[in-house]
N, C-alpha and C. Protein backbone atom coordinates (compact mmCIF):
# COMPACT_ATOMS: atom_id res chain seq x y z
N MET A 1 -3.47 32.03 -1.64
CA MET A 1 -3.16 31.39 -3.07
C MET A 1 -2.70 29.94 -3.14
N ALA A 2 -3.66 29.00 -3.81
CA ALA A 2 -3.47 27.57 -3.98
C ALA A 2 -1.85 27.26 -4.48
N GLU A 3 -1.42 26.25 -3.94
CA GLU A 3 -0.15 25.43 -4.31
C GLU A 3 -0.22 24.37 -5.00
N GLU A 4 0.25 23.97 -6.22
CA GLU A 4 -0.37 22.53 -6.67
C GLU A 4 0.64 21.68 -6.84
N ILE A 5 0.44 20.70 -6.14
CA ILE A 5 1.80 19.87 -6.20
C ILE A 5 1.76 18.70 -7.20
N ARG A 6 2.90 18.75 -7.86
CA ARG A 6 2.64 17.74 -8.97
C ARG A 6 4.03 16.59 -9.34
N ALA A 7 3.82 15.70 -9.86
CA ALA A 7 4.61 14.56 -9.67
C ALA A 7 5.91 15.35 -10.77
N GLU A 8 7.31 14.79 -10.33
CA GLU A 8 8.38 15.04 -10.75
C GLU A 8 8.99 13.84 -11.53
N MET A 9 7.81 12.76 -11.69
CA MET A 9 8.43 11.71 -12.71
C MET A 9 7.33 10.87 -12.48
N VAL A 10 7.72 9.79 -13.67
CA VAL A 10 6.52 8.64 -13.63
C VAL A 10 6.83 7.71 -12.35
N ALA A 11 5.79 7.30 -11.81
CA ALA A 11 5.73 6.60 -10.74
C ALA A 11 4.34 6.14 -10.27
N ASN A 12 4.47 5.03 -9.32
CA ASN A 12 3.68 4.27 -9.17
C ASN A 12 2.80 5.14 -7.36
N VAL A 13 1.69 5.18 -6.94
CA VAL A 13 1.08 6.07 -5.86
C VAL A 13 0.87 4.74 -5.31
N LEU A 14 1.86 4.74 -4.04
CA LEU A 14 1.80 3.75 -2.74
C LEU A 14 0.81 4.12 -1.61
N SER A 15 0.92 5.72 -1.32
CA SER A 15 -0.48 5.57 -0.64
C SER A 15 -0.35 7.50 -0.43
N VAL A 16 -1.51 7.79 -0.26
CA VAL A 16 -1.80 9.09 0.25
C VAL A 16 -2.35 9.19 1.57
N PRO A 17 -1.26 9.79 2.21
CA PRO A 17 -1.70 9.95 3.86
C PRO A 17 -2.63 11.05 4.43
N VAL A 18 -2.96 11.76 3.52
CA VAL A 18 -3.66 12.91 3.82
C VAL A 18 -5.15 12.82 3.09
N THR A 19 -5.95 13.76 3.60
CA THR A 19 -7.57 13.98 2.94
C THR A 19 -7.91 15.29 2.83
N ALA A 20 -8.70 15.72 1.88
CA ALA A 20 -9.09 16.98 1.96
C ALA A 20 -9.74 17.62 3.16
N GLY A 21 -9.57 18.82 3.30
CA GLY A 21 -9.89 19.15 4.59
C GLY A 21 -8.65 19.42 5.59
N GLU A 22 -7.66 18.42 5.27
CA GLU A 22 -6.80 18.31 6.64
C GLU A 22 -6.02 19.42 6.24
N ARG A 23 -5.70 19.73 7.69
CA ARG A 23 -4.39 20.86 8.08
C ARG A 23 -3.28 20.29 7.84
N VAL A 24 -2.33 20.53 7.19
CA VAL A 24 -0.75 20.32 7.10
C VAL A 24 0.12 21.19 7.17
N GLU A 25 1.08 20.97 7.89
CA GLU A 25 2.39 21.70 8.20
C GLU A 25 3.43 21.46 7.40
N PRO A 26 4.34 22.02 7.09
CA PRO A 26 5.90 21.89 6.31
C PRO A 26 6.36 20.74 6.69
N GLY A 27 6.79 19.52 5.80
CA GLY A 27 7.46 18.53 5.90
C GLY A 27 6.43 17.34 5.80
N THR A 28 5.31 17.50 6.05
CA THR A 28 4.11 16.66 5.86
C THR A 28 4.22 15.77 4.76
N THR A 29 4.09 14.19 4.81
CA THR A 29 4.20 13.57 3.43
C THR A 29 2.86 13.76 2.67
N LEU A 30 2.60 14.34 1.57
CA LEU A 30 1.45 14.09 1.18
C LEU A 30 1.20 13.08 0.21
N VAL A 31 1.96 12.67 -0.39
CA VAL A 31 2.19 11.60 -1.19
C VAL A 31 3.14 10.58 -1.18
N LEU A 32 3.15 9.25 -1.56
CA LEU A 32 4.43 8.60 -1.34
C LEU A 32 4.17 7.57 -2.44
N LEU A 33 5.45 7.98 -3.11
CA LEU A 33 5.18 7.30 -4.73
C LEU A 33 6.56 6.21 -4.47
N GLU A 34 6.49 5.67 -5.85
CA GLU A 34 7.51 4.52 -6.00
C GLU A 34 7.89 4.20 -7.37
N SER A 35 9.25 4.37 -7.49
CA SER A 35 9.80 4.84 -9.15
C SER A 35 11.14 3.61 -8.82
N MET A 36 11.29 2.62 -9.61
CA MET A 36 12.49 1.89 -9.63
C MET A 36 12.95 1.67 -8.56
N LYS A 37 11.78 1.14 -7.85
CA LYS A 37 12.05 -0.06 -6.38
C LYS A 37 12.37 1.06 -5.11
N MET A 38 12.35 2.54 -5.35
CA MET A 38 12.45 3.40 -4.48
C MET A 38 11.62 4.22 -3.98
N GLU A 39 11.33 4.30 -2.73
CA GLU A 39 9.93 5.05 -2.26
C GLU A 39 10.67 6.43 -2.30
N ILE A 40 9.69 7.44 -2.58
CA ILE A 40 9.74 8.64 -3.12
C ILE A 40 8.90 9.56 -2.32
N PRO A 41 9.20 9.95 -0.76
CA PRO A 41 8.01 10.81 -0.47
C PRO A 41 7.73 12.50 -0.77
N VAL A 42 6.60 12.84 -1.43
CA VAL A 42 6.27 13.84 -1.79
C VAL A 42 5.61 14.66 -0.83
N LEU A 43 6.54 16.05 -0.55
CA LEU A 43 6.44 16.68 1.14
C LEU A 43 5.71 17.94 0.68
N CYS A 44 4.98 18.28 1.74
CA CYS A 44 4.44 19.89 1.69
C CYS A 44 5.60 20.71 2.15
N GLU A 45 5.49 21.60 1.44
CA GLU A 45 6.71 22.80 1.82
C GLU A 45 6.26 24.24 2.52
N GLY A 46 5.26 24.31 2.37
CA GLY A 46 4.42 25.98 2.94
C GLY A 46 3.47 25.58 3.95
N GLY A 47 3.11 24.51 4.44
CA GLY A 47 1.73 24.07 4.98
C GLY A 47 0.63 24.92 4.47
N GLY A 48 -0.85 24.41 5.30
CA GLY A 48 -2.12 24.95 4.69
C GLY A 48 -2.93 23.89 4.79
N THR A 49 -3.59 24.02 4.38
CA THR A 49 -5.19 22.98 4.18
C THR A 49 -5.01 22.29 2.65
N VAL A 50 -4.99 21.00 3.01
CA VAL A 50 -5.51 20.21 1.80
C VAL A 50 -6.83 20.50 1.13
N ARG A 51 -6.76 21.04 -0.25
CA ARG A 51 -7.97 21.32 -0.87
C ARG A 51 -8.72 20.08 -1.64
N GLU A 52 -7.57 19.82 -2.28
CA GLU A 52 -7.74 18.35 -3.51
C GLU A 52 -6.65 17.44 -3.16
N VAL A 53 -7.26 16.25 -3.70
CA VAL A 53 -6.42 15.39 -3.54
C VAL A 53 -6.88 14.49 -5.08
N HIS A 54 -6.02 14.39 -5.90
CA HIS A 54 -6.22 14.03 -7.07
C HIS A 54 -5.56 12.73 -7.88
N VAL A 55 -5.12 11.83 -6.55
CA VAL A 55 -4.56 10.42 -6.59
C VAL A 55 -5.06 9.52 -5.85
N GLU A 56 -4.73 8.29 -6.18
CA GLU A 56 -5.11 7.48 -5.26
C GLU A 56 -4.43 6.06 -5.20
N PRO A 57 -3.81 5.60 -4.31
CA PRO A 57 -2.97 4.00 -4.09
C PRO A 57 -3.32 3.32 -5.18
N GLY A 58 -2.32 3.15 -6.02
CA GLY A 58 -2.18 2.02 -7.17
C GLY A 58 -2.19 2.85 -8.81
N GLU A 59 -2.59 3.95 -8.59
CA GLU A 59 -2.26 4.72 -9.68
C GLU A 59 -1.00 4.97 -10.25
N VAL A 60 -0.81 5.18 -11.43
CA VAL A 60 0.36 5.42 -11.90
C VAL A 60 0.34 7.12 -12.73
N VAL A 61 1.23 8.00 -12.18
CA VAL A 61 1.23 9.21 -12.40
C VAL A 61 2.44 9.53 -13.46
N GLN A 62 2.30 10.46 -14.25
CA GLN A 62 3.37 10.76 -15.16
C GLN A 62 3.89 12.29 -14.64
N GLU A 63 5.09 12.52 -15.28
CA GLU A 63 5.54 13.87 -14.72
C GLU A 63 5.01 15.01 -15.33
N GLY A 64 4.57 15.37 -14.21
CA GLY A 64 4.05 16.97 -14.52
C GLY A 64 2.41 16.70 -13.96
N ASP A 65 1.63 15.43 -13.71
CA ASP A 65 0.44 15.54 -13.05
C ASP A 65 0.19 16.00 -11.72
N LEU A 66 -0.86 16.40 -11.81
CA LEU A 66 -1.33 16.98 -10.51
C LEU A 66 -1.85 16.17 -9.21
N LEU A 67 -0.81 16.20 -8.28
CA LEU A 67 -1.29 15.38 -7.17
C LEU A 67 -2.18 15.58 -6.26
N VAL A 68 -1.88 16.87 -5.11
CA VAL A 68 -2.32 17.47 -4.41
C VAL A 68 -2.56 19.00 -4.55
N VAL A 69 -3.43 19.59 -4.07
CA VAL A 69 -3.93 20.98 -3.85
C VAL A 69 -3.69 21.48 -2.87
N ILE A 70 -2.81 22.62 -2.25
CA ILE A 70 -2.75 23.17 -0.72
C ILE A 70 -3.22 24.65 -0.82
N GLY A 71 -4.40 24.79 0.06
CA GLY A 71 -4.61 26.10 -0.22
C GLY A 71 -4.24 26.91 1.29
């Protein structure tokens, strides 16, 4: 079953250190966000394979926006 990783707040995307097809373990940083001059890593909770990446550096995401899908 796929796990959708969504933004928890409005933020800028600083980096996306994973790519589709990459195997990730729990604790892997999927996306690095920046909000109010603070860096917020979005971490993988369960591990799996990155199916889709929906953001790229420089984008602004809104609360609830889809970032990554893990399968």
